[in-house]
């Protein structure tokens, strides 16, 4: 009778609790015997660990890299750099991929002013979005001259970076504004490169 009562109680605990438990079943000779179930389930019915969250975070990071590496439509940084001067003649100073599906391009125009443009990554549409009206700042005169005198332009800097790292995608290129006479090129995996504006030699940041 005692054994039947313990078994009935154990069955009820499984049906009601649904979790891990350790029970003592008593045999006819009153020798205790231990029985246990597996891991504890959380309130949502899953296992109580953080491995699933870690895997989700890793997938999100990879998705972010893929999004930056392959913008919709496939218009590349080099193509954006080539397209912008067709709208505003001048020398490309920087190309940066934004979060809205555009390349943001700065062009030093023939009027000695900096012009801001966007190039759509889906169809290559170029739009002028702004212009710097202050072209008389003597502090910037040296930077503008260095950009115009550079033997390597933005497109050539991008090409040099991709030749050194053929598996990569360029997400930005900027002419250094500290008089160092090089291009700063950022890749989709956050690697940063320097491309010499005179020789196009590539080095890691």
Protein backbone atom coordinates (compact mmCIF):
# COMPACT_ATOMS: atom_id res chain seq x y z
CA UNK A 1 0.00 0.00 0.00
CA UNK A 2 2.83 2.40 0.88
CA UNK A 3 4.55 1.72 -2.47
CA UNK A 4 1.39 2.51 -4.47
CA UNK A 5 0.92 5.76 -2.58
CA UNK A 6 4.48 6.95 -3.37
CA UNK A 7 4.16 6.09 -7.08
CA UNK A 8 0.86 7.96 -7.31
CA UNK A 9 2.40 11.00 -5.62
CA UNK A 10 5.40 10.89 -7.98
CA UNK A 11 3.13 10.77 -11.06
CA UNK A 12 1.13 13.76 -9.83
CA UNK A 13 4.33 15.76 -9.31
CA UNK A 14 5.39 15.14 -12.92
CA UNK A 15 2.01 16.20 -14.29
CA UNK A 16 1.74 19.34 -12.17
CA UNK A 17 5.35 20.56 -11.97
CA UNK A 18 6.72 19.65 -15.40
CA UNK A 19 10.26 20.38 -14.14
CA UNK A 20 13.20 18.60 -12.62
CA UNK A 21 12.68 16.71 -9.45
CA UNK A 22 14.26 14.10 -7.26
CA UNK A 23 11.94 11.60 -5.63
CA UNK A 24 12.43 8.72 -3.27
CA UNK A 25 10.51 5.57 -4.08
CA UNK A 26 10.10 3.08 -1.32
CA UNK A 27 10.11 -0.62 -2.12
CA UNK A 28 8.42 -3.29 -0.17
CA UNK A 29 11.47 -3.76 2.05
CA UNK A 30 11.54 0.00 2.89
CA UNK A 31 14.95 0.53 1.12
CA UNK A 32 15.01 4.02 -0.40
CA UNK A 33 15.66 4.39 -4.15
CA UNK A 34 16.38 7.79 -5.83
CA UNK A 35 14.89 8.75 -9.19
CA UNK A 36 15.54 12.09 -11.02
CA UNK A 37 14.64 13.87 -14.25
CA UNK A 38 16.69 16.13 -16.58
CA UNK A 39 17.33 19.89 -16.66
CA UNK A 40 14.98 22.53 -15.36
CA UNK A 41 12.82 24.24 -17.99
CA UNK A 42 12.35 27.99 -17.82
CA UNK A 43 9.02 29.79 -17.92
CA UNK A 44 9.02 29.81 -21.72
CA UNK A 45 9.67 26.08 -21.93
CA UNK A 46 13.33 26.40 -23.03
CA UNK A 47 16.54 25.44 -21.30
CA UNK A 48 17.87 27.97 -18.82
CA UNK A 49 21.15 28.96 -20.49
CA UNK A 50 22.61 31.85 -22.53
CA UNK A 51 23.96 29.87 -25.46
CA UNK A 52 20.98 30.67 -27.68
CA UNK A 53 21.35 34.41 -27.02
CA UNK A 54 25.07 34.28 -27.82
CA UNK A 55 24.37 32.53 -31.14
CA UNK A 56 21.72 35.14 -32.01
CA UNK A 57 24.16 37.98 -31.25
CA UNK A 58 26.83 36.36 -33.44
CA UNK A 59 24.36 36.00 -36.32
CA UNK A 60 23.36 39.67 -35.96
CA UNK A 61 27.00 40.74 -36.15
CA UNK A 62 27.54 38.69 -39.31
CA UNK A 63 24.39 40.14 -40.85
CA UNK A 64 25.62 43.68 -40.09
CA UNK A 65 28.91 42.94 -41.86
CA UNK A 66 27.10 41.47 -44.88
CA UNK A 67 24.81 44.51 -45.09
CA UNK A 68 27.79 46.88 -45.17
CA UNK A 69 29.76 44.67 -47.58
CA UNK A 70 27.00 44.38 -50.17
CA UNK A 71 24.77 47.45 -50.36
CA UNK A 72 21.47 46.95 -52.17
CA UNK A 73 21.89 47.23 -55.92
CA UNK A 74 25.62 46.69 -55.82
CA UNK A 75 26.86 50.26 -56.54
CA UNK A 76 30.36 50.20 -55.09
CA UNK A 77 32.47 52.88 -53.47
CA UNK A 78 34.61 53.12 -56.62
CA UNK A 79 31.52 53.62 -58.79
CA UNK A 80 30.20 56.29 -56.42
CA UNK A 81 33.56 58.08 -56.55
CA UNK A 82 33.45 58.03 -60.34
CA UNK A 83 29.81 59.16 -60.58
CA UNK A 84 29.84 62.17 -58.24
CA UNK A 85 32.18 64.44 -60.28
CA UNK A 86 29.85 63.99 -63.24
CA UNK A 87 27.28 65.97 -61.28
CA UNK A 88 29.71 68.39 -59.62
CA UNK A 89 33.08 68.62 -61.40
CA UNK A 90 36.02 68.52 -59.05
CA UNK A 91 38.15 66.19 -56.94
CA UNK A 92 36.57 63.56 -54.69
CA UNK A 93 37.63 64.05 -51.09
CA UNK A 94 35.68 61.27 -49.37
CA UNK A 95 33.15 58.49 -49.94
CA UNK A 96 31.25 56.97 -47.03
CA UNK A 97 28.44 54.40 -46.89
CA UNK A 98 25.56 55.60 -44.70
CA UNK A 99 22.73 53.60 -43.11
CA UNK A 100 20.07 54.74 -45.58
CA UNK A 101 21.27 53.04 -48.74
CA UNK A 102 23.42 55.91 -50.03
CA UNK A 103 27.04 56.77 -50.52
CA UNK A 104 27.85 60.19 -49.08
CA UNK A 105 30.44 61.85 -51.29
CA UNK A 106 32.35 65.08 -50.72
CA UNK A 107 33.81 66.78 -53.77
CA UNK A 108 36.24 69.70 -53.76
CA UNK A 109 34.78 71.66 -56.66
CA UNK A 110 36.50 73.78 -59.21
CA UNK A 111 35.06 76.75 -57.34
CA UNK A 112 37.29 75.80 -54.38
CA UNK A 113 34.26 74.85 -52.28
CA UNK A 114 33.35 71.52 -50.80
CA UNK A 115 30.18 70.01 -52.25
CA UNK A 116 28.16 67.24 -50.61
CA UNK A 117 26.42 64.65 -52.77
CA UNK A 118 24.69 61.30 -52.36
CA UNK A 119 24.86 58.33 -54.70
CA UNK A 120 22.05 55.78 -54.39
CA UNK A 121 23.43 52.28 -53.92
CA UNK A 122 20.51 50.72 -55.79
CA UNK A 123 20.59 52.66 -59.06
CA UNK A 124 23.54 55.09 -58.91
CA UNK A 125 21.38 58.24 -58.86
CA UNK A 126 23.50 61.26 -57.87
CA UNK A 127 22.01 64.16 -55.93
CA UNK A 128 23.61 67.36 -54.65
CA UNK A 129 22.71 67.86 -50.99
CA UNK A 130 24.86 70.79 -49.83
CA UNK A 131 27.79 73.12 -50.33
CA UNK A 132 30.33 74.74 -48.04
CA UNK A 133 30.10 78.50 -48.61
CA UNK A 134 33.25 79.28 -46.63
CA UNK A 135 36.09 78.83 -49.10
CA UNK A 136 38.36 81.50 -47.60
CA UNK A 137 39.48 79.56 -44.51
CA UNK A 138 43.27 79.75 -44.65
CA UNK A 139 43.58 76.71 -42.36
CA UNK A 140 42.01 74.52 -45.07
CA UNK A 141 43.99 75.97 -47.97
CA UNK A 142 46.88 73.57 -47.44
CA UNK A 143 44.56 70.57 -47.27
CA UNK A 144 42.82 71.56 -50.50
CA UNK A 145 46.16 71.97 -52.25
CA UNK A 146 47.39 68.59 -50.98
CA UNK A 147 44.23 66.91 -52.28
CA UNK A 148 44.56 68.48 -55.72
CA UNK A 149 48.28 67.66 -55.91
CA UNK A 150 47.82 64.01 -54.88
CA UNK A 151 49.01 61.59 -57.55
CA UNK A 152 46.51 58.98 -56.34
CA UNK A 153 42.83 59.89 -56.37
CA UNK A 154 39.97 58.30 -54.40
CA UNK A 155 39.18 55.71 -57.07
CA UNK A 156 42.82 54.66 -57.36
CA UNK A 157 43.10 54.42 -53.56
CA UNK A 158 40.09 52.09 -53.51
CA UNK A 159 41.57 49.98 -56.31
CA UNK A 160 44.89 49.70 -54.46
CA UNK A 161 43.16 48.61 -51.25
CA UNK A 162 41.13 45.94 -53.04
CA UNK A 163 44.19 44.67 -54.88
CA UNK A 164 45.89 44.15 -51.52
CA UNK A 165 42.72 42.64 -50.00
CA UNK A 166 40.69 41.08 -52.85
CA UNK A 167 38.22 39.44 -50.45
CA UNK A 168 37.14 42.78 -48.97
CA UNK A 169 34.59 45.50 -49.70
CA UNK A 170 35.36 49.18 -49.20
CA UNK A 171 32.89 51.10 -47.04
CA UNK A 172 34.71 54.44 -46.88
CA UNK A 173 37.67 56.33 -48.24
CA UNK A 174 38.84 59.71 -46.93
CA UNK A 175 41.77 61.93 -47.79
CA UNK A 176 43.76 62.51 -44.62
CA UNK A 177 43.25 66.10 -43.43
CA UNK A 178 46.31 66.24 -41.15
CA UNK A 179 48.88 66.77 -43.84
CA UNK A 180 49.95 63.11 -43.82
CA UNK A 181 49.32 62.87 -47.57
CA UNK A 182 47.51 59.54 -47.65
CA UNK A 183 44.04 58.05 -48.06
CA UNK A 184 42.31 56.30 -45.16
CA UNK A 185 40.34 53.30 -46.44
CA UNK A 186 37.94 51.34 -44.25
CA UNK A 187 36.84 47.81 -45.15
CA UNK A 188 33.55 46.08 -44.35
CA UNK A 189 35.11 44.13 -41.46
CA UNK A 190 36.39 47.33 -39.81
CA UNK A 191 39.96 46.92 -41.00
CA UNK A 192 41.57 50.29 -41.76
CA UNK A 193 44.24 50.82 -44.39
CA UNK A 194 46.45 53.71 -45.45
CA UNK A 195 47.08 54.28 -49.15
CA UNK A 196 49.96 56.60 -49.94
CA UNK A 197 48.71 59.52 -52.04
CA UNK A 198 51.99 59.62 -54.00
CA UNK A 199 52.80 55.96 -54.59
CA UNK A 200 49.50 54.13 -53.86
CA UNK A 201 51.41 51.85 -51.48
CA UNK A 202 49.04 50.13 -49.01
CA UNK A 203 49.75 49.68 -45.31
CA UNK A 204 47.68 48.67 -42.30
CA UNK A 205 46.55 51.36 -39.88
